[in-house]
Amino acid sequence: MKLVFLYHPVKNLKESLTFYRETLGFEEAWREGNHTVALTLPHSDVRLLIEDEELELSAGGVFLVDSVDTFYKENKERLEFIKEPVDIPPGRYAIYKDNSDNYLRIIDFTNEK
């Protein structure tokens, strides 16, 4: 597992994008539709992912795995998945909770190969 994004749900994507770009100096790396923007963090390979969906979930890490489906199959009996694997543009995505109710997101880039 490798940390690839810090996920921050935001109430207003446009206002948040202005804050992160103009106040903090982050640069936009890419966007997905009108709800998701990735920002480059200075001196880091990790990107900040802001999104105006899943507002009920807390901020947290998004970890790259070889296969979300394999990870899910190997761990579904011992981890509490709150979102089973779903398709997203670069691959697959799922969310589970740790023992302190923190949300851990996993992603693979299987559609980019």
N, C-alpha and C. Protein backbone atom coordinates (compact mmCIF):
# COMPACT_ATOMS: atom_id res chain seq x y z
N MET A 1 0.84 -1.17 0.00
CA MET A 1 0.00 0.00 0.00
C MET A 1 0.89 1.24 0.00
N LYS A 2 0.50 2.19 -0.83
CA LYS A 2 1.25 3.44 -0.92
C LYS A 2 0.28 4.62 -0.86
N LEU A 3 0.58 5.60 -0.02
CA LEU A 3 -0.26 6.79 0.07
C LEU A 3 -0.10 7.60 -1.22
N VAL A 4 -1.22 7.87 -1.91
CA VAL A 4 -1.17 8.64 -3.15
C VAL A 4 -1.97 9.94 -3.07
N PHE A 5 -2.99 9.99 -2.22
CA PHE A 5 -3.81 11.19 -2.06
C PHE A 5 -4.15 11.40 -0.59
N LEU A 6 -4.30 12.67 -0.22
CA LEU A 6 -4.98 13.04 1.01
C LEU A 6 -6.35 13.51 0.57
N TYR A 7 -7.38 12.89 1.08
CA TYR A 7 -8.75 13.18 0.67
C TYR A 7 -9.39 14.16 1.64
N HIS A 8 -9.90 15.26 1.11
CA HIS A 8 -10.62 16.23 1.93
C HIS A 8 -11.97 16.53 1.30
N PRO A 9 -13.06 16.12 1.94
CA PRO A 9 -14.38 16.51 1.44
C PRO A 9 -14.58 18.01 1.70
N VAL A 10 -15.15 18.70 0.73
CA VAL A 10 -15.37 20.14 0.85
C VAL A 10 -16.82 20.47 0.55
N LYS A 11 -17.34 21.52 1.19
CA LYS A 11 -18.73 21.92 1.00
C LYS A 11 -18.94 22.62 -0.33
N ASN A 12 -17.95 23.41 -0.76
CA ASN A 12 -18.07 24.16 -2.00
C ASN A 12 -16.76 24.03 -2.75
N LEU A 13 -16.77 23.27 -3.84
CA LEU A 13 -15.55 22.98 -4.57
C LEU A 13 -14.89 24.24 -5.11
N LYS A 14 -15.67 25.13 -5.68
CA LYS A 14 -15.11 26.34 -6.27
C LYS A 14 -14.42 27.20 -5.22
N GLU A 15 -15.08 27.44 -4.08
CA GLU A 15 -14.49 28.23 -3.01
C GLU A 15 -13.25 27.56 -2.43
N SER A 16 -13.31 26.25 -2.26
CA SER A 16 -12.17 25.52 -1.71
C SER A 16 -10.99 25.54 -2.67
N LEU A 17 -11.27 25.39 -3.94
CA LEU A 17 -10.20 25.44 -4.94
C LEU A 17 -9.50 26.80 -4.90
N THR A 18 -10.27 27.86 -4.78
CA THR A 18 -9.69 29.20 -4.67
C THR A 18 -8.80 29.29 -3.44
N PHE A 19 -9.28 28.78 -2.30
CA PHE A 19 -8.49 28.80 -1.07
C PHE A 19 -7.17 28.07 -1.24
N TYR A 20 -7.23 26.84 -1.72
CA TYR A 20 -6.01 26.04 -1.81
C TYR A 20 -5.03 26.60 -2.84
N ARG A 21 -5.54 27.14 -3.94
CA ARG A 21 -4.64 27.72 -4.96
C ARG A 21 -4.10 29.08 -4.53
N GLU A 22 -5.00 29.99 -4.17
CA GLU A 22 -4.59 31.37 -3.92
C GLU A 22 -3.99 31.59 -2.54
N THR A 23 -4.53 30.95 -1.51
CA THR A 23 -4.03 31.15 -0.16
C THR A 23 -2.81 30.28 0.13
N LEU A 24 -2.87 29.02 -0.29
CA LEU A 24 -1.79 28.08 0.01
C LEU A 24 -0.81 27.87 -1.13
N GLY A 25 -1.16 28.30 -2.33
CA GLY A 25 -0.25 28.19 -3.46
C GLY A 25 -0.17 26.82 -4.10
N PHE A 26 -1.15 25.95 -3.83
CA PHE A 26 -1.16 24.63 -4.47
C PHE A 26 -1.54 24.79 -5.94
N GLU A 27 -1.04 23.89 -6.77
CA GLU A 27 -1.36 23.92 -8.20
C GLU A 27 -2.29 22.78 -8.55
N GLU A 28 -3.23 23.06 -9.45
CA GLU A 28 -4.16 22.03 -9.90
C GLU A 28 -3.42 21.02 -10.76
N ALA A 29 -3.59 19.74 -10.44
CA ALA A 29 -2.96 18.66 -11.21
C ALA A 29 -3.93 18.12 -12.26
N TRP A 30 -5.18 17.89 -11.86
CA TRP A 30 -6.23 17.41 -12.78
C TRP A 30 -7.56 17.53 -12.08
N ARG A 31 -8.62 17.36 -12.84
CA ARG A 31 -9.96 17.36 -12.27
C ARG A 31 -10.79 16.29 -12.94
N GLU A 32 -11.79 15.82 -12.20
CA GLU A 32 -12.74 14.82 -12.71
C GLU A 32 -14.12 15.44 -12.62
N GLY A 33 -14.66 15.82 -13.76
CA GLY A 33 -15.99 16.41 -13.79
C GLY A 33 -16.03 17.70 -12.99
N ASN A 34 -17.19 17.96 -12.39
CA ASN A 34 -17.38 19.17 -11.61
C ASN A 34 -17.35 18.92 -10.11
N HIS A 35 -16.83 17.75 -9.69
CA HIS A 35 -16.88 17.43 -8.27
C HIS A 35 -15.56 17.03 -7.64
N THR A 36 -14.50 16.84 -8.43
CA THR A 36 -13.23 16.37 -7.89
C THR A 36 -12.06 17.12 -8.52
N VAL A 37 -11.14 17.58 -7.68
CA VAL A 37 -9.92 18.24 -8.16
C VAL A 37 -8.74 17.71 -7.36
N ALA A 38 -7.66 17.38 -8.05
CA ALA A 38 -6.42 16.98 -7.40
C ALA A 38 -5.45 18.16 -7.46
N LEU A 39 -4.78 18.40 -6.36
CA LEU A 39 -3.83 19.50 -6.25
C LEU A 39 -2.45 18.97 -5.91
N THR A 40 -1.44 19.55 -6.52
CA THR A 40 -0.07 19.17 -6.25
C THR A 40 0.39 19.84 -4.97
N LEU A 41 0.93 19.05 -4.07
CA LEU A 41 1.48 19.57 -2.82
C LEU A 41 2.96 19.86 -3.02
N PRO A 42 3.44 21.00 -2.58
CA PRO A 42 4.86 21.32 -2.74
C PRO A 42 5.75 20.26 -2.10
N HIS A 43 6.79 19.86 -2.82
CA HIS A 43 7.82 18.93 -2.32
C HIS A 43 7.26 17.57 -1.92
N SER A 44 6.21 17.10 -2.62
CA SER A 44 5.61 15.81 -2.28
C SER A 44 5.04 15.14 -3.52
N ASP A 45 5.10 13.82 -3.53
CA ASP A 45 4.45 13.05 -4.59
C ASP A 45 2.97 12.82 -4.28
N VAL A 46 2.58 13.04 -3.03
CA VAL A 46 1.18 12.88 -2.62
C VAL A 46 0.41 14.10 -3.09
N ARG A 47 -0.80 13.87 -3.57
CA ARG A 47 -1.65 14.97 -4.02
C ARG A 47 -2.83 15.13 -3.06
N LEU A 48 -3.31 16.35 -2.96
CA LEU A 48 -4.51 16.63 -2.19
C LEU A 48 -5.70 16.47 -3.11
N LEU A 49 -6.66 15.68 -2.70
CA LEU A 49 -7.86 15.43 -3.49
C LEU A 49 -9.02 16.08 -2.76
N ILE A 50 -9.61 17.12 -3.39
CA ILE A 50 -10.78 17.75 -2.79
C ILE A 50 -11.99 17.38 -3.63
N GLU A 51 -13.09 17.14 -2.93
CA GLU A 51 -14.29 16.64 -3.60
C GLU A 51 -15.52 17.07 -2.83
N ASP A 52 -16.56 17.42 -3.55
CA ASP A 52 -17.80 17.83 -2.88
C ASP A 52 -18.82 16.71 -2.82
N GLU A 53 -18.33 15.48 -2.82
CA GLU A 53 -19.17 14.30 -2.60
C GLU A 53 -18.67 13.62 -1.33
N GLU A 54 -19.44 12.69 -0.80
CA GLU A 54 -19.08 11.96 0.42
C GLU A 54 -18.78 12.91 1.58
N LEU A 55 -19.57 13.98 1.69
CA LEU A 55 -19.35 14.96 2.75
C LEU A 55 -19.53 14.37 4.14
N GLU A 56 -20.29 13.31 4.25
CA GLU A 56 -20.53 12.71 5.56
C GLU A 56 -19.31 11.92 6.05
N LEU A 57 -18.34 11.70 5.19
CA LEU A 57 -17.14 10.96 5.58
C LEU A 57 -16.02 11.94 5.92
N SER A 58 -15.14 11.54 6.79
CA SER A 58 -14.05 12.41 7.22
C SER A 58 -12.89 12.38 6.20
N ALA A 59 -12.00 13.33 6.38
CA ALA A 59 -10.78 13.38 5.57
C ALA A 59 -9.93 12.16 5.90
N GLY A 60 -9.03 11.83 4.99
CA GLY A 60 -8.14 10.70 5.24
C GLY A 60 -7.30 10.37 4.03
N GLY A 61 -6.52 9.34 4.17
CA GLY A 61 -5.62 8.92 3.10
C GLY A 61 -6.32 8.05 2.06
N VAL A 62 -5.80 8.13 0.85
CA VAL A 62 -6.21 7.24 -0.23
C VAL A 62 -4.96 6.46 -0.60
N PHE A 63 -5.04 5.14 -0.48
CA PHE A 63 -3.88 4.28 -0.65
C PHE A 63 -3.98 3.47 -1.94
N LEU A 64 -2.90 3.44 -2.67
CA LEU A 64 -2.82 2.66 -3.91
C LEU A 64 -2.52 1.20 -3.57
N VAL A 65 -3.33 0.31 -4.14
CA VAL A 65 -3.10 -1.14 -4.03
C VAL A 65 -3.05 -1.70 -5.45
N ASP A 66 -2.49 -2.88 -5.60
CA ASP A 66 -2.41 -3.49 -6.93
C ASP A 66 -3.79 -3.75 -7.50
N SER A 67 -4.68 -4.25 -6.65
CA SER A 67 -6.04 -4.58 -7.08
C SER A 67 -7.00 -4.36 -5.92
N VAL A 68 -7.92 -3.44 -6.10
CA VAL A 68 -8.95 -3.21 -5.08
C VAL A 68 -9.79 -4.47 -4.89
N ASP A 69 -10.13 -5.13 -5.98
CA ASP A 69 -10.96 -6.34 -5.89
C ASP A 69 -10.26 -7.44 -5.09
N THR A 70 -8.98 -7.63 -5.34
CA THR A 70 -8.23 -8.65 -4.59
C THR A 70 -8.14 -8.28 -3.12
N PHE A 71 -7.82 -7.01 -2.83
CA PHE A 71 -7.75 -6.55 -1.45
C PHE A 71 -9.09 -6.77 -0.75
N TYR A 72 -10.16 -6.43 -1.42
CA TYR A 72 -11.50 -6.62 -0.85
C TYR A 72 -11.78 -8.10 -0.57
N LYS A 73 -11.53 -8.95 -1.53
CA LYS A 73 -11.79 -10.38 -1.35
C LYS A 73 -10.97 -10.96 -0.19
N GLU A 74 -9.71 -10.52 -0.07
CA GLU A 74 -8.83 -11.05 0.97
C GLU A 74 -9.15 -10.49 2.36
N ASN A 75 -9.86 -9.37 2.43
CA ASN A 75 -10.07 -8.69 3.72
C ASN A 75 -11.52 -8.43 4.10
N LYS A 76 -12.48 -8.81 3.26
CA LYS A 76 -13.88 -8.45 3.53
C LYS A 76 -14.44 -9.08 4.80
N GLU A 77 -13.87 -10.17 5.26
CA GLU A 77 -14.36 -10.82 6.48
C GLU A 77 -13.78 -10.19 7.74
N ARG A 78 -12.64 -9.49 7.63
CA ARG A 78 -12.02 -8.94 8.83
C ARG A 78 -12.01 -7.42 8.89
N LEU A 79 -12.38 -6.75 7.79
CA LEU A 79 -12.46 -5.29 7.77
C LEU A 79 -13.90 -4.87 7.52
N GLU A 80 -14.27 -3.71 8.03
CA GLU A 80 -15.62 -3.21 7.82
C GLU A 80 -15.63 -2.26 6.62
N PHE A 81 -16.03 -2.79 5.49
CA PHE A 81 -16.11 -1.99 4.27
C PHE A 81 -17.42 -1.20 4.28
N ILE A 82 -17.33 0.10 4.08
CA ILE A 82 -18.53 0.92 3.99
C ILE A 82 -18.86 1.24 2.54
N LYS A 83 -17.91 1.01 1.65
CA LYS A 83 -18.15 1.13 0.21
C LYS A 83 -17.39 -0.01 -0.46
N GLU A 84 -18.15 -0.92 -1.04
CA GLU A 84 -17.53 -2.03 -1.75
C GLU A 84 -16.92 -1.52 -3.05
N PRO A 85 -16.04 -2.30 -3.67
CA PRO A 85 -15.37 -1.82 -4.88
C PRO A 85 -16.33 -1.32 -5.96
N VAL A 86 -15.98 -0.15 -6.50
CA VAL A 86 -16.73 0.48 -7.59
C VAL A 86 -15.76 0.96 -8.65
N ASP A 87 -16.28 1.12 -9.86
CA ASP A 87 -15.48 1.66 -10.95
C ASP A 87 -15.37 3.18 -10.82
N ILE A 88 -14.17 3.69 -11.07
CA ILE A 88 -13.92 5.11 -11.20
C ILE A 88 -13.03 5.26 -12.44
N PRO A 89 -12.88 6.46 -12.99
CA PRO A 89 -12.14 6.57 -14.24
C PRO A 89 -10.76 5.90 -14.28
N PRO A 90 -9.91 6.03 -13.23
CA PRO A 90 -8.61 5.37 -13.39
C PRO A 90 -8.60 3.89 -13.03
N GLY A 91 -9.66 3.36 -12.40
CA GLY A 91 -9.65 1.95 -12.00
C GLY A 91 -10.79 1.60 -11.07
N ARG A 92 -10.44 1.14 -9.85
CA ARG A 92 -11.43 0.71 -8.86
C ARG A 92 -11.15 1.42 -7.54
N TYR A 93 -12.20 1.50 -6.68
CA TYR A 93 -12.15 2.29 -5.46
C TYR A 93 -13.03 1.63 -4.42
N ALA A 94 -12.60 1.67 -3.15
CA ALA A 94 -13.40 1.15 -2.04
C ALA A 94 -13.00 1.89 -0.76
N ILE A 95 -13.85 1.79 0.27
CA ILE A 95 -13.59 2.45 1.54
C ILE A 95 -13.89 1.47 2.68
N TYR A 96 -12.99 1.43 3.65
CA TYR A 96 -13.24 0.65 4.85
C TYR A 96 -12.86 1.47 6.08
N LYS A 97 -13.27 1.00 7.27
CA LYS A 97 -12.98 1.71 8.51
C LYS A 97 -11.94 0.94 9.32
N ASP A 98 -11.12 1.71 10.04
CA ASP A 98 -10.21 1.06 10.98
C ASP A 98 -10.92 0.89 12.32
N ASN A 99 -10.20 0.43 13.32
CA ASN A 99 -10.82 0.14 14.61
C ASN A 99 -11.18 1.39 15.41
N SER A 100 -10.82 2.58 14.91
CA SER A 100 -11.20 3.85 15.55
C SER A 100 -12.19 4.64 14.70
N ASP A 101 -12.80 3.96 13.75
CA ASP A 101 -13.79 4.55 12.84
C ASP A 101 -13.23 5.60 11.90
N ASN A 102 -11.93 5.52 11.59
CA ASN A 102 -11.35 6.36 10.55
C ASN A 102 -11.58 5.68 9.20
N TYR A 103 -11.82 6.48 8.18
CA TYR A 103 -12.07 5.93 6.86
C TYR A 103 -10.76 5.81 6.09
N LEU A 104 -10.54 4.63 5.56
CA LEU A 104 -9.37 4.35 4.73
C LEU A 104 -9.87 4.04 3.33
N ARG A 105 -9.36 4.76 2.37
CA ARG A 105 -9.77 4.58 0.98
C ARG A 105 -8.67 3.87 0.22
N ILE A 106 -9.06 2.96 -0.64
CA ILE A 106 -8.10 2.28 -1.49
C ILE A 106 -8.48 2.49 -2.94
N ILE A 107 -7.49 2.51 -3.78
CA ILE A 107 -7.68 2.76 -5.20
C ILE A 107 -6.68 1.91 -5.97
N ASP A 108 -7.07 1.55 -7.18
CA ASP A 108 -6.08 0.99 -8.10
C ASP A 108 -6.22 1.74 -9.42
N PHE A 109 -5.20 1.63 -10.23
CA PHE A 109 -5.19 2.33 -11.52
C PHE A 109 -5.27 1.33 -12.66
N THR A 110 -6.12 0.33 -12.52
CA THR A 110 -6.19 -0.74 -13.50
C THR A 110 -6.72 -0.29 -14.87
N ASN A 111 -7.45 0.81 -14.94
CA ASN A 111 -7.93 1.29 -16.24
C ASN A 111 -6.90 2.14 -16.96
N GLU A 112 -5.76 2.42 -16.33
CA GLU A 112 -4.72 3.22 -16.95
C GLU A 112 -3.65 2.36 -17.60
N LYS A 113 -3.78 1.04 -17.49
CA LYS A 113 -2.74 0.14 -18.04
C LYS A 113 -3.01 -0.16 -19.49
